[in-house]
Amino acid sequence: MARNKPKAKKLRLASAHKKYISAPLFAVLKKFGLKRGHRWRLNPHMRRHWRRKKLKV
């Protein structure tokens, strides 16, 4: 990807980054208890990898 990006694209990437941040710790503990399950399991649709899933922004 280009080093210099248009500002509009940077804003779209930033908003996409905010959406896939993991769930809060109290929600994880409520669902999984003390065994500490994976946080992404609370919202698996937002999980993404930079190589596998493209954002199309």
PDB file of N, CA and C in Angstrom:
ATOM      1  N   MET A   1       0.843  -1.174   0.000  1.00  0.00           N
ATOM      2  CA  MET A   1       0.000   0.000   0.000  1.00  0.00           C
ATOM      3  C   MET A   1       0.889   1.238   0.000  1.00  0.00           C
ATOM      4  N   ALA A   2       0.383   2.276  -0.572  1.00  0.00           N
ATOM      5  CA  ALA A   2       1.163   3.497  -0.657  1.00  0.00           C
ATOM      6  C   ALA A   2       1.430   4.077   0.729  1.00  0.00           C
ATOM      7  N   ARG A   3       2.577   4.683   0.853  1.00  0.00           N
ATOM      8  CA  ARG A   3       2.904   5.295   2.141  1.00  0.00           C
ATOM      9  C   ARG A   3       2.051   6.535   2.370  1.00  0.00           C
ATOM     10  N   ASN A   4       1.895   7.344   1.326  1.00  0.00           N
ATOM     11  CA  ASN A   4       1.079   8.553   1.430  1.00  0.00           C
ATOM     12  C   ASN A   4      -0.329   8.239   0.942  1.00  0.00           C
ATOM     13  N   LYS A   5      -1.291   8.380   1.836  1.00  0.00           N
ATOM     14  CA  LYS A   5      -2.670   8.046   1.510  1.00  0.00           C
ATOM     15  C   LYS A   5      -3.531   9.308   1.530  1.00  0.00           C
ATOM     16  N   PRO A   6      -4.609   9.324   0.762  1.00  0.00           N
ATOM     17  CA  PRO A   6      -5.545  10.436   0.856  1.00  0.00           C
ATOM     18  C   PRO A   6      -6.176  10.500   2.250  1.00  0.00           C
ATOM     19  N   LYS A   7      -6.513  11.689   2.681  1.00  0.00           N
ATOM     20  CA  LYS A   7      -7.047  11.856   4.035  1.00  0.00           C
ATOM     21  C   LYS A   7      -8.364  11.109   4.221  1.00  0.00           C
ATOM     22  N   ALA A   8      -9.197  11.087   3.188  1.00  0.00           N
ATOM     23  CA  ALA A   8     -10.486  10.395   3.298  1.00  0.00           C
ATOM     24  C   ALA A   8     -10.277   8.900   3.534  1.00  0.00           C
ATOM     25  N   LYS A   9      -9.286   8.322   2.864  1.00  0.00           N
ATOM     26  CA  LYS A   9      -9.022   6.896   3.058  1.00  0.00           C
ATOM     27  C   LYS A   9      -8.482   6.628   4.448  1.00  0.00           C
ATOM     28  N   LYS A  10      -7.653   7.530   4.958  1.00  0.00           N
ATOM     29  CA  LYS A  10      -7.148   7.372   6.320  1.00  0.00           C
ATOM     30  C   LYS A  10      -8.288   7.387   7.325  1.00  0.00           C
ATOM     31  N   LEU A  11      -9.265   8.254   7.114  1.00  0.00           N
ATOM     32  CA  LEU A  11     -10.400   8.314   8.031  1.00  0.00           C
ATOM     33  C   LEU A  11     -11.224   7.038   7.963  1.00  0.00           C
ATOM     34  N   ARG A  12     -11.404   6.489   6.755  1.00  0.00           N
ATOM     35  CA  ARG A  12     -12.164   5.245   6.636  1.00  0.00           C
ATOM     36  C   ARG A  12     -11.431   4.081   7.295  1.00  0.00           C
ATOM     37  N   LEU A  13     -10.113   4.043   7.149  1.00  0.00           N
ATOM     38  CA  LEU A  13      -9.339   2.994   7.802  1.00  0.00           C
ATOM     39  C   LEU A  13      -9.404   3.131   9.324  1.00  0.00           C
ATOM     40  N   ALA A  14      -9.379   4.360   9.814  1.00  0.00           N
ATOM     41  CA  ALA A  14      -9.448   4.577  11.259  1.00  0.00           C
ATOM     42  C   ALA A  14     -10.797   4.138  11.810  1.00  0.00           C
ATOM     43  N   SER A  15     -11.881   4.412  11.086  1.00  0.00           N
ATOM     44  CA  SER A  15     -13.198   4.002  11.573  1.00  0.00           C
ATOM     45  C   SER A  15     -13.328   2.477  11.533  1.00  0.00           C
ATOM     46  N   ALA A  16     -12.734   1.834  10.536  1.00  0.00           N
ATOM     47  CA  ALA A  16     -12.765   0.372  10.489  1.00  0.00           C
ATOM     48  C   ALA A  16     -11.958  -0.212  11.644  1.00  0.00           C
ATOM     49  N   HIS A  17     -10.876   0.435  12.019  1.00  0.00           N
ATOM     50  CA  HIS A  17     -10.070  -0.044  13.136  1.00  0.00           C
ATOM     51  C   HIS A  17     -10.840   0.039  14.443  1.00  0.00           C
ATOM     52  N   LYS A  18     -11.635   1.077  14.606  1.00  0.00           N
ATOM     53  CA  LYS A  18     -12.410   1.218  15.833  1.00  0.00           C
ATOM     54  C   LYS A  18     -13.466   0.127  15.953  1.00  0.00           C
ATOM     55  N   LYS A  19     -13.984  -0.350  14.840  1.00  0.00           N
ATOM     56  CA  LYS A  19     -15.062  -1.330  14.884  1.00  0.00           C
ATOM     57  C   LYS A  19     -14.587  -2.708  15.317  1.00  0.00           C
ATOM     58  N   TYR A  20     -13.347  -3.059  15.025  1.00  0.00           N
ATOM     59  CA  TYR A  20     -12.935  -4.422  15.305  1.00  0.00           C
ATOM     60  C   TYR A  20     -12.160  -4.537  16.613  1.00  0.00           C
ATOM     61  N   ILE A  21     -12.126  -3.490  17.429  1.00  0.00           N
ATOM     62  CA  ILE A  21     -11.470  -3.570  18.735  1.00  0.00           C
ATOM     63  C   ILE A  21     -12.250  -4.546  19.616  1.00  0.00           C
ATOM     64  N   SER A  22     -11.528  -5.312  20.408  1.00  0.00           N
ATOM     65  CA  SER A  22     -12.134  -6.407  21.153  1.00  0.00           C
ATOM     66  C   SER A  22     -13.112  -5.916  22.211  1.00  0.00           C
ATOM     67  N   ALA A  23     -13.884  -6.848  22.700  1.00  0.00           N
ATOM     68  CA  ALA A  23     -14.913  -6.554  23.689  1.00  0.00           C
ATOM     69  C   ALA A  23     -14.277  -6.180  25.024  1.00  0.00           C
ATOM     70  N   PRO A  24     -15.002  -5.441  25.865  1.00  0.00           N
ATOM     71  CA  PRO A  24     -14.459  -5.092  27.178  1.00  0.00           C
ATOM     72  C   PRO A  24     -14.288  -6.321  28.064  1.00  0.00           C
ATOM     73  N   LEU A  25     -13.382  -6.203  29.018  1.00  0.00           N
ATOM     74  CA  LEU A  25     -13.009  -7.348  29.835  1.00  0.00           C
ATOM     75  C   LEU A  25     -14.168  -7.853  30.693  1.00  0.00           C
ATOM     76  N   PHE A  26     -15.023  -6.955  31.186  1.00  0.00           N
ATOM     77  CA  PHE A  26     -16.129  -7.424  32.024  1.00  0.00           C
ATOM     78  C   PHE A  26     -17.106  -8.271  31.212  1.00  0.00           C
ATOM     79  N   ALA A  27     -17.270  -7.962  29.927  1.00  0.00           N
ATOM     80  CA  ALA A  27     -18.156  -8.759  29.086  1.00  0.00           C
ATOM     81  C   ALA A  27     -17.562 -10.140  28.817  1.00  0.00           C
ATOM     82  N   VAL A  28     -16.256 -10.186  28.652  1.00  0.00           N
ATOM     83  CA  VAL A  28     -15.585 -11.465  28.433  1.00  0.00           C
ATOM     84  C   VAL A  28     -15.698 -12.336  29.675  1.00  0.00           C
ATOM     85  N   LEU A  29     -15.471 -11.740  30.847  1.00  0.00           N
ATOM     86  CA  LEU A  29     -15.561 -12.512  32.086  1.00  0.00           C
ATOM     87  C   LEU A  29     -16.984 -12.991  32.348  1.00  0.00           C
ATOM     88  N   LYS A  30     -17.968 -12.163  31.965  1.00  0.00           N
ATOM     89  CA  LYS A  30     -19.356 -12.561  32.179  1.00  0.00           C
ATOM     90  C   LYS A  30     -19.711 -13.764  31.305  1.00  0.00           C
ATOM     91  N   LYS A  31     -19.202 -13.781  30.098  1.00  0.00           N
ATOM     92  CA  LYS A  31     -19.541 -14.871  29.196  1.00  0.00           C
ATOM     93  C   LYS A  31     -18.708 -16.125  29.454  1.00  0.00           C
ATOM     94  N   PHE A  32     -17.415 -15.982  29.661  1.00  0.00           N
ATOM     95  CA  PHE A  32     -16.523 -17.130  29.749  1.00  0.00           C
ATOM     96  C   PHE A  32     -16.087 -17.470  31.165  1.00  0.00           C
ATOM     97  N   GLY A  33     -16.345 -16.585  32.134  1.00  0.00           N
ATOM     98  CA  GLY A  33     -15.897 -16.846  33.486  1.00  0.00           C
ATOM     99  C   GLY A  33     -14.402 -16.605  33.622  1.00  0.00           C
ATOM    100  N   LEU A  34     -13.774 -17.272  34.577  1.00  0.00           N
ATOM    101  CA  LEU A  34     -12.362 -17.030  34.836  1.00  0.00           C
ATOM    102  C   LEU A  34     -11.430 -17.770  33.888  1.00  0.00           C
ATOM    103  N   LYS A  35     -11.986 -18.606  33.005  1.00  0.00           N
ATOM    104  CA  LYS A  35     -11.102 -19.317  32.088  1.00  0.00           C
ATOM    105  C   LYS A  35     -10.601 -18.403  30.964  1.00  0.00           C
ATOM    106  N   ARG A  36     -11.143 -17.208  30.893  1.00  0.00           N
ATOM    107  CA  ARG A  36     -10.656 -16.183  29.969  1.00  0.00           C
ATOM    108  C   ARG A  36     -10.647 -16.661  28.518  1.00  0.00           C
ATOM    109  N   GLY A  37     -11.834 -16.778  27.933  1.00  0.00           N
ATOM    110  CA  GLY A  37     -11.917 -17.177  26.531  1.00  0.00           C
ATOM    111  C   GLY A  37     -11.417 -16.070  25.615  1.00  0.00           C
ATOM    112  N   HIS A  38     -11.404 -16.339  24.351  1.00  0.00           N
ATOM    113  CA  HIS A  38     -10.922 -15.359  23.384  1.00  0.00           C
ATOM    114  C   HIS A  38     -11.922 -14.220  23.257  1.00  0.00           C
ATOM    115  N   ARG A  39     -11.414 -13.000  23.285  1.00  0.00           N
ATOM    116  CA  ARG A  39     -12.293 -11.836  23.231  1.00  0.00           C
ATOM    117  C   ARG A  39     -13.034 -11.742  21.907  1.00  0.00           C
ATOM    118  N   TRP A  40     -12.398 -12.169  20.810  1.00  0.00           N
ATOM    119  CA  TRP A  40     -13.032 -12.005  19.517  1.00  0.00           C
ATOM    120  C   TRP A  40     -14.259 -12.884  19.364  1.00  0.00           C
ATOM    121  N   ARG A  41     -14.408 -13.890  20.230  1.00  0.00           N
ATOM    122  CA  ARG A  41     -15.582 -14.753  20.099  1.00  0.00           C
ATOM    123  C   ARG A  41     -16.878 -14.020  20.424  1.00  0.00           C
ATOM    124  N   LEU A  42     -16.801 -12.916  21.139  1.00  0.00           N
ATOM    125  CA  LEU A  42     -18.010 -12.144  21.423  1.00  0.00           C
ATOM    126  C   LEU A  42     -18.506 -11.427  20.182  1.00  0.00           C
ATOM    127  N   ASN A  43     -17.599 -11.102  19.269  1.00  0.00           N
ATOM    128  CA  ASN A  43     -18.001 -10.428  18.038  1.00  0.00           C
ATOM    129  C   ASN A  43     -17.141 -10.959  16.887  1.00  0.00           C
ATOM    130  N   PRO A  44     -17.366 -12.192  16.441  1.00  0.00           N
ATOM    131  CA  PRO A  44     -16.463 -12.801  15.469  1.00  0.00           C
ATOM    132  C   PRO A  44     -16.540 -12.173  14.082  1.00  0.00           C
ATOM    133  N   HIS A  45     -17.634 -11.485  13.756  1.00  0.00           N
ATOM    134  CA  HIS A  45     -17.762 -10.908  12.424  1.00  0.00           C
ATOM    135  C   HIS A  45     -16.820  -9.735  12.225  1.00  0.00           C
ATOM    136  N   MET A  46     -16.420  -9.093  13.307  1.00  0.00           N
ATOM    137  CA  MET A  46     -15.534  -7.953  13.190  1.00  0.00           C
ATOM    138  C   MET A  46     -14.063  -8.360  13.197  1.00  0.00           C
ATOM    139  N   ARG A  47     -13.779  -9.643  13.413  1.00  0.00           N
ATOM    140  CA  ARG A  47     -12.386 -10.067  13.438  1.00  0.00           C
ATOM    141  C   ARG A  47     -11.830 -10.034  12.024  1.00  0.00           C
ATOM    142  N   ARG A  48     -10.654  -9.455  11.857  1.00  0.00           N
ATOM    143  CA  ARG A  48     -10.070  -9.414  10.528  1.00  0.00           C
ATOM    144  C   ARG A  48      -8.556  -9.504  10.615  1.00  0.00           C
ATOM    145  N   HIS A  49      -7.965  -9.887   9.498  1.00  0.00           N
ATOM    146  CA  HIS A  49      -6.525  -9.975   9.377  1.00  0.00           C
ATOM    147  C   HIS A  49      -6.127  -9.150   8.174  1.00  0.00           C
ATOM    148  N   TRP A  50      -5.007  -8.477   8.250  1.00  0.00           N
ATOM    149  CA  TRP A  50      -4.632  -7.537   7.188  1.00  0.00           C
ATOM    150  C   TRP A  50      -4.403  -8.233   5.862  1.00  0.00           C
ATOM    151  N   ARG A  51      -4.091  -9.526   5.910  1.00  0.00           N
ATOM    152  CA  ARG A  51      -3.794 -10.209   4.660  1.00  0.00           C
ATOM    153  C   ARG A  51      -4.993 -10.925   4.091  1.00  0.00           C
ATOM    154  N   ARG A  52      -5.868 -11.441   4.968  1.00  0.00           N
ATOM    155  CA  ARG A  52      -6.984 -12.277   4.493  1.00  0.00           C
ATOM    156  C   ARG A  52      -8.203 -11.467   4.090  1.00  0.00           C
ATOM    157  N   LYS A  53      -8.568 -10.469   4.876  1.00  0.00           N
ATOM    158  CA  LYS A  53      -9.817  -9.762   4.633  1.00  0.00           C
ATOM    159  C   LYS A  53      -9.535  -8.320   4.239  1.00  0.00           C
ATOM    160  N   LYS A  54     -10.044  -7.922   3.104  1.00  0.00           N
ATOM    161  CA  LYS A  54      -9.865  -6.558   2.630  1.00  0.00           C
ATOM    162  C   LYS A  54     -11.053  -5.710   3.043  1.00  0.00           C
ATOM    163  N   LEU A  55     -10.787  -4.452   3.353  1.00  0.00           N
ATOM    164  CA  LEU A  55     -11.845  -3.577   3.862  1.00  0.00           C
ATOM    165  C   LEU A  55     -12.662  -2.925   2.767  1.00  0.00           C
ATOM    166  N   LYS A  56     -12.092  -2.820   1.565  1.00  0.00           N
ATOM    167  CA  LYS A  56     -12.755  -2.166   0.432  1.00  0.00           C
ATOM    168  C   LYS A  56     -13.112  -0.726   0.784  1.00  0.00           C
ATOM    169  N   VAL A  57     -12.168   0.008   1.344  1.00  0.00           N
ATOM    170  CA  VAL A  57     -12.398   1.418   1.645  1.00  0.00           C
ATOM    171  C   VAL A  57     -11.600   2.280   0.689  1.00  0.00           C
TER     172      VAL A  57
END
